[in-house]
Protein backbone atom coordinates (compact mmCIF):
# COMPACT_ATOMS: atom_id res chain seq x y z
CA MET A 1 -3.11 -20.39 12.18
CA ASP A 2 -1.68 -16.86 12.31
CA ARG A 3 -2.32 -14.54 9.41
CA ASP A 4 0.05 -11.82 8.33
CA PRO A 5 -1.29 -8.38 9.20
CA ARG A 6 -2.65 -6.36 6.31
CA GLU A 7 -0.53 -3.60 4.94
CA VAL A 8 -1.87 -0.15 5.74
CA MET A 9 -1.07 2.99 3.82
CA GLU A 10 -2.15 6.35 5.20
CA TYR A 11 -2.87 9.39 3.04
CA ASP A 12 -3.81 12.96 3.82
CA VAL A 13 -6.27 13.08 0.90
CA LEU A 14 -8.16 10.38 -0.99
CA VAL A 15 -9.59 11.40 -4.37
CA VAL A 16 -12.19 8.97 -5.70
CA GLY A 17 -12.39 9.16 -9.48
CA ALA A 18 -9.38 9.37 -11.77
CA GLY A 19 -11.13 11.41 -14.44
CA PRO A 20 -10.05 14.91 -15.45
CA SER A 21 -11.57 16.62 -12.40
CA GLY A 22 -10.14 14.09 -9.93
CA LEU A 23 -6.65 14.31 -11.38
CA SER A 24 -6.90 18.09 -11.55
CA ALA A 25 -7.92 18.26 -7.89
CA ALA A 26 -5.05 16.00 -6.83
CA ILE A 27 -2.50 18.03 -8.79
CA ARG A 28 -3.82 21.34 -7.45
CA LEU A 29 -3.75 20.08 -3.86
CA LYS A 30 -0.13 19.01 -4.28
CA GLN A 31 0.75 22.40 -5.83
CA LEU A 32 -0.89 24.33 -2.99
CA ALA A 33 0.86 22.22 -0.37
CA ASN A 34 4.20 22.71 -2.14
CA GLU A 35 3.67 26.50 -2.30
CA ALA A 36 2.94 26.49 1.45
CA GLY A 37 6.07 24.44 2.13
CA GLN A 38 4.01 21.47 3.30
CA GLU A 39 4.16 17.82 2.37
CA LEU A 40 0.85 16.25 1.38
CA SER A 41 0.20 12.64 0.44
CA VAL A 42 -2.58 12.18 -2.09
CA CYS A 43 -4.09 8.92 -3.33
CA VAL A 44 -6.25 8.80 -6.48
CA VAL A 45 -8.41 5.72 -7.03
CA GLU A 46 -10.68 4.93 -9.94
């Protein structure tokens, strides 16, 4: 019996904790990347 492969999603940054400091860190990282003309993928998990 063949199983379907699991879906994989890759991120540049993983922030563990969706509290105020985690969300703030994720937002600031995205802002800094944008200012530098870079694209950054960020995942926030609780």
